[in-house]
Amino acid sequence: MTTQWFSLRALGAGLALATVPLTPALAQTGPQMPSSQPAEAPYQGAYYKRQLYVVTDMERALTLWRDVMGLEPGAITVSGPNSYSREVFNIPAEAQMRFCTLSAGPNQVRTLALLEVKGVALPPKTGIRTTGAVINANGRLADIIAQAKAMGLTVFGPRVLPSLGQGDGVEQGFLDWDGNVIVLYEFPKSDPPSVR
């Protein structure tokens, strides 16, 4: 808080100089001095909503995402013949599809979706893997990896994940039954989840 010196002669000769606190500039209603700090421009980019995994068995996939990872599934719905997913994921008309979104608590609502495709064979995911999800294990990395191994899933070895502010962490990935990549990470001091 700034102060201003002024004379109090009107109150009597016996008084000298005094200090009076001023109202902070942000609370004043008069003309403002230009700030030396440039105002941050508002975000103008796109907003992330969710990632989608195509799976061949919804109930089996939920044993991983709901029962092991702890995500909260919404309702499972049937996708009709005019579903946009058929066009963008190149799914034949004869395939049957079901859809389910999952939330990671109240701040990350419906950030993952599972699209079950039945009645057609999915191509094997060999060679370079092109998509994956990176997930904060939130203190449960060892438990999740142990359960993934017990389910017979392909589990990769752990790696040290350096961090300046959170301490050295661990990252470890695995594949679900359909070859989808899931990478978990965990730090000794974990940041709270970002709001979605």
Protein backbone atom coordinates (compact mmCIF):
# COMPACT_ATOMS: atom_id res chain seq x y z
CA MET A 1 0.00 0.00 0.00
CA THR A 2 1.32 3.47 -0.87
CA THR A 3 1.21 6.56 1.38
CA GLN A 4 1.05 10.29 0.67
CA TRP A 5 2.64 13.08 2.74
CA PHE A 6 0.76 16.35 3.10
CA SER A 7 0.56 19.31 5.49
CA LEU A 8 -2.18 19.54 8.12
CA ARG A 9 -1.86 23.31 8.72
CA ALA A 10 -5.62 23.70 8.76
CA LEU A 11 -5.78 21.56 11.90
CA GLY A 12 -3.41 23.77 13.83
CA ALA A 13 0.17 24.92 13.91
CA GLY A 14 1.12 22.29 16.48
CA LEU A 15 0.64 19.49 13.98
CA ALA A 16 3.49 18.53 11.70
CA LEU A 17 3.37 16.21 8.73
CA ALA A 18 1.27 13.04 8.80
CA THR A 19 0.74 10.04 6.60
CA VAL A 20 -2.56 8.83 5.25
CA PRO A 21 -2.93 5.51 3.46
CA LEU A 22 -4.28 5.77 -0.06
CA THR A 23 -6.88 3.46 -1.56
CA PRO A 24 -5.22 0.89 -3.84
CA ALA A 25 -5.25 2.00 -7.46
CA LEU A 26 -7.48 -0.87 -8.57
CA ALA A 27 -10.23 0.32 -6.24
CA GLN A 28 -10.11 3.96 -7.34
CA THR A 29 -12.69 5.32 -9.71
CA GLY A 30 -10.59 8.11 -11.19
CA PRO A 31 -8.18 8.01 -14.16
CA GLN A 32 -5.76 5.07 -14.05
CA MET A 33 -2.08 5.07 -14.81
CA PRO A 34 -1.11 2.58 -17.53
CA SER A 35 0.17 -0.71 -16.10
CA SER A 36 3.78 -1.65 -16.71
CA GLN A 37 2.65 -5.30 -17.03
CA PRO A 38 0.97 -6.18 -20.36
CA ALA A 39 -2.44 -7.78 -19.89
CA GLU A 40 -2.53 -11.45 -20.84
CA ALA A 41 -4.48 -11.99 -24.02
CA PRO A 42 -7.58 -14.16 -23.60
CA TYR A 43 -7.29 -17.74 -24.85
CA GLN A 44 -8.54 -18.02 -28.43
CA GLY A 45 -7.72 -21.66 -29.19
CA ALA A 46 -9.90 -24.73 -29.39
CA TYR A 47 -11.05 -26.53 -26.23
CA TYR A 48 -10.19 -30.18 -25.64
CA LYS A 49 -13.18 -32.39 -24.91
CA ARG A 50 -12.37 -36.10 -25.04
CA GLN A 51 -10.37 -38.96 -26.48
CA LEU A 52 -12.04 -42.03 -27.95
CA TYR A 53 -10.85 -45.63 -28.04
CA VAL A 54 -12.38 -48.17 -30.41
CA VAL A 55 -12.81 -51.50 -28.59
CA THR A 56 -14.26 -54.87 -29.49
CA ASP A 57 -15.90 -55.65 -26.13
CA MET A 58 -17.47 -52.87 -24.05
CA GLU A 59 -17.92 -54.90 -20.87
CA ARG A 60 -14.34 -56.14 -20.98
CA ALA A 61 -13.02 -52.62 -21.59
CA LEU A 62 -15.00 -51.36 -18.61
CA THR A 63 -13.31 -53.90 -16.34
CA LEU A 64 -10.13 -51.92 -17.06
CA TRP A 65 -11.36 -48.34 -17.17
CA ARG A 66 -14.01 -48.56 -14.44
CA ASP A 67 -12.90 -51.37 -12.13
CA VAL A 68 -9.11 -50.95 -12.31
CA MET A 69 -8.54 -47.30 -13.27
CA GLY A 70 -11.54 -46.01 -11.30
CA LEU A 71 -13.15 -43.86 -14.01
CA GLU A 72 -16.91 -43.30 -13.80
CA PRO A 73 -18.86 -44.50 -16.86
CA GLY A 74 -22.05 -42.94 -18.14
CA ALA A 75 -24.83 -44.80 -19.89
CA ILE A 76 -24.01 -47.21 -22.71
CA THR A 77 -25.92 -46.16 -25.83
CA VAL A 78 -26.45 -47.82 -29.20
CA SER A 79 -25.08 -45.87 -32.17
CA GLY A 80 -27.49 -45.82 -35.11
CA PRO A 81 -26.85 -46.24 -38.83
CA ASN A 82 -26.39 -42.48 -39.31
CA SER A 83 -23.84 -42.06 -36.51
CA TYR A 84 -21.06 -39.66 -37.47
CA SER A 85 -18.60 -42.17 -36.02
CA ARG A 86 -19.21 -44.46 -38.99
CA GLU A 87 -17.88 -41.84 -41.37
CA VAL A 88 -14.95 -40.48 -39.39
CA PHE A 89 -13.73 -43.87 -38.08
CA ASN A 90 -14.44 -45.61 -41.39
CA ILE A 91 -16.72 -48.22 -39.81
CA PRO A 92 -18.79 -50.33 -42.24
CA ALA A 93 -22.57 -50.03 -42.23
CA GLU A 94 -23.00 -53.67 -41.18
CA ALA A 95 -21.08 -53.16 -37.90
CA GLN A 96 -22.96 -52.78 -34.63
CA MET A 97 -21.74 -49.97 -32.39
CA ARG A 98 -22.20 -48.95 -28.77
CA PHE A 99 -20.84 -45.83 -27.10
CA CYS A 100 -19.95 -44.90 -23.51
CA THR A 101 -18.26 -41.86 -21.98
CA LEU A 102 -16.20 -41.94 -18.78
CA SER A 103 -15.37 -39.20 -16.29
CA ALA A 104 -12.37 -38.80 -14.00
CA GLY A 105 -14.13 -37.16 -11.07
CA PRO A 106 -16.12 -33.90 -11.09
CA ASN A 107 -13.42 -31.80 -12.82
CA GLN A 108 -12.81 -34.06 -15.83
CA VAL A 109 -16.25 -34.94 -17.06
CA ARG A 110 -16.68 -37.24 -20.09
CA THR A 111 -13.03 -36.88 -21.14
CA LEU A 112 -12.77 -40.44 -22.43
CA ALA A 113 -15.13 -42.43 -24.66
CA LEU A 114 -15.27 -46.07 -25.64
CA LEU A 115 -16.77 -47.04 -28.99
CA GLU A 116 -17.52 -50.74 -29.24
CA VAL A 117 -17.50 -52.14 -32.78
CA LYS A 118 -18.86 -55.64 -33.40
CA GLY A 119 -19.73 -57.65 -36.49
CA VAL A 120 -16.57 -56.75 -38.42
CA ALA A 121 -12.93 -57.59 -37.83
CA LEU A 122 -10.73 -54.71 -36.71
CA PRO A 123 -7.33 -54.52 -38.40
CA PRO A 124 -4.44 -55.60 -36.16
CA LYS A 125 -2.41 -52.76 -34.66
CA THR A 126 1.08 -53.73 -35.69
CA GLY A 127 4.07 -51.54 -36.43
CA ILE A 128 4.25 -47.98 -35.15
CA ARG A 129 1.52 -47.14 -32.63
CA THR A 130 -0.04 -43.81 -33.51
CA THR A 131 -2.32 -42.83 -30.60
CA GLY A 132 -2.42 -43.18 -26.84
CA ALA A 133 -3.66 -41.64 -23.62
CA VAL A 134 -1.40 -40.27 -20.88
CA ILE A 135 -3.02 -40.60 -17.47
CA ASN A 136 -2.05 -39.50 -13.95
CA ALA A 137 -2.20 -42.70 -11.86
CA ASN A 138 -2.88 -40.57 -8.76
CA GLY A 139 -0.87 -42.75 -6.36
CA ARG A 140 -2.14 -46.06 -7.81
CA LEU A 141 0.43 -46.80 -10.51
CA ALA A 142 1.80 -50.02 -8.94
CA ASP A 143 -1.70 -51.35 -8.27
CA ILE A 144 -2.95 -50.59 -11.79
CA ILE A 145 0.10 -52.16 -13.41
CA ALA A 146 -0.24 -55.28 -11.23
CA GLN A 147 -3.88 -55.68 -12.27
CA ALA A 148 -3.04 -55.08 -15.95
CA LYS A 149 -0.47 -57.88 -15.74
CA ALA A 150 -3.01 -60.15 -14.03
CA MET A 151 -5.40 -59.50 -16.93
CA GLY A 152 -2.74 -60.72 -19.36
CA LEU A 153 -2.20 -57.30 -20.97
CA THR A 154 1.10 -56.28 -22.56
CA VAL A 155 2.93 -54.14 -19.99
CA PHE A 156 6.08 -52.16 -20.78
CA GLY A 157 8.88 -51.51 -18.30
CA PRO A 158 8.86 -48.39 -16.11
CA ARG A 159 11.03 -45.32 -16.72
CA VAL A 160 12.13 -42.52 -14.41
CA LEU A 161 10.24 -39.31 -15.22
CA PRO A 162 12.29 -36.29 -14.04
CA SER A 163 10.54 -33.19 -12.72
CA LEU A 164 11.90 -30.00 -11.18
CA GLY A 165 8.89 -29.20 -9.02
CA GLN A 166 7.31 -32.57 -8.26
CA GLY A 167 10.30 -34.81 -7.65
CA ASP A 168 11.34 -37.68 -9.90
CA GLY A 169 8.36 -39.73 -10.94
CA VAL A 170 7.67 -42.91 -12.88
CA GLU A 171 5.99 -43.51 -16.21
CA GLN A 172 4.83 -46.90 -17.39
CA GLY A 173 2.68 -47.96 -20.29
CA PHE A 174 0.61 -50.93 -21.38
CA LEU A 175 -1.75 -52.02 -24.15
CA ASP A 176 -5.40 -52.94 -23.73
CA TRP A 177 -6.87 -56.04 -25.41
CA ASP A 178 -7.38 -54.10 -28.66
CA GLY A 179 -3.83 -52.72 -28.81
CA ASN A 180 -4.72 -49.21 -27.55
CA VAL A 181 -1.82 -47.46 -25.79
CA ILE A 182 -2.22 -46.29 -22.18
CA VAL A 183 0.68 -44.53 -20.43
CA LEU A 184 0.48 -43.92 -16.70
CA TYR A 185 2.63 -41.48 -14.76
CA GLU A 186 3.03 -40.70 -11.09
CA PHE A 187 5.00 -38.11 -9.10
CA PRO A 188 5.70 -37.94 -5.36
CA LYS A 189 4.00 -34.51 -5.35
CA SER A 190 1.20 -34.62 -7.88
CA ASP A 191 -0.58 -31.56 -9.23
CA PRO A 192 -4.38 -31.55 -8.96
CA PRO A 193 -6.18 -32.52 -12.17
CA SER A 194 -6.79 -29.81 -14.72
CA VAL A 195 -10.42 -28.81 -15.16
CA ARG A 196 -12.00 -30.09 -18.37
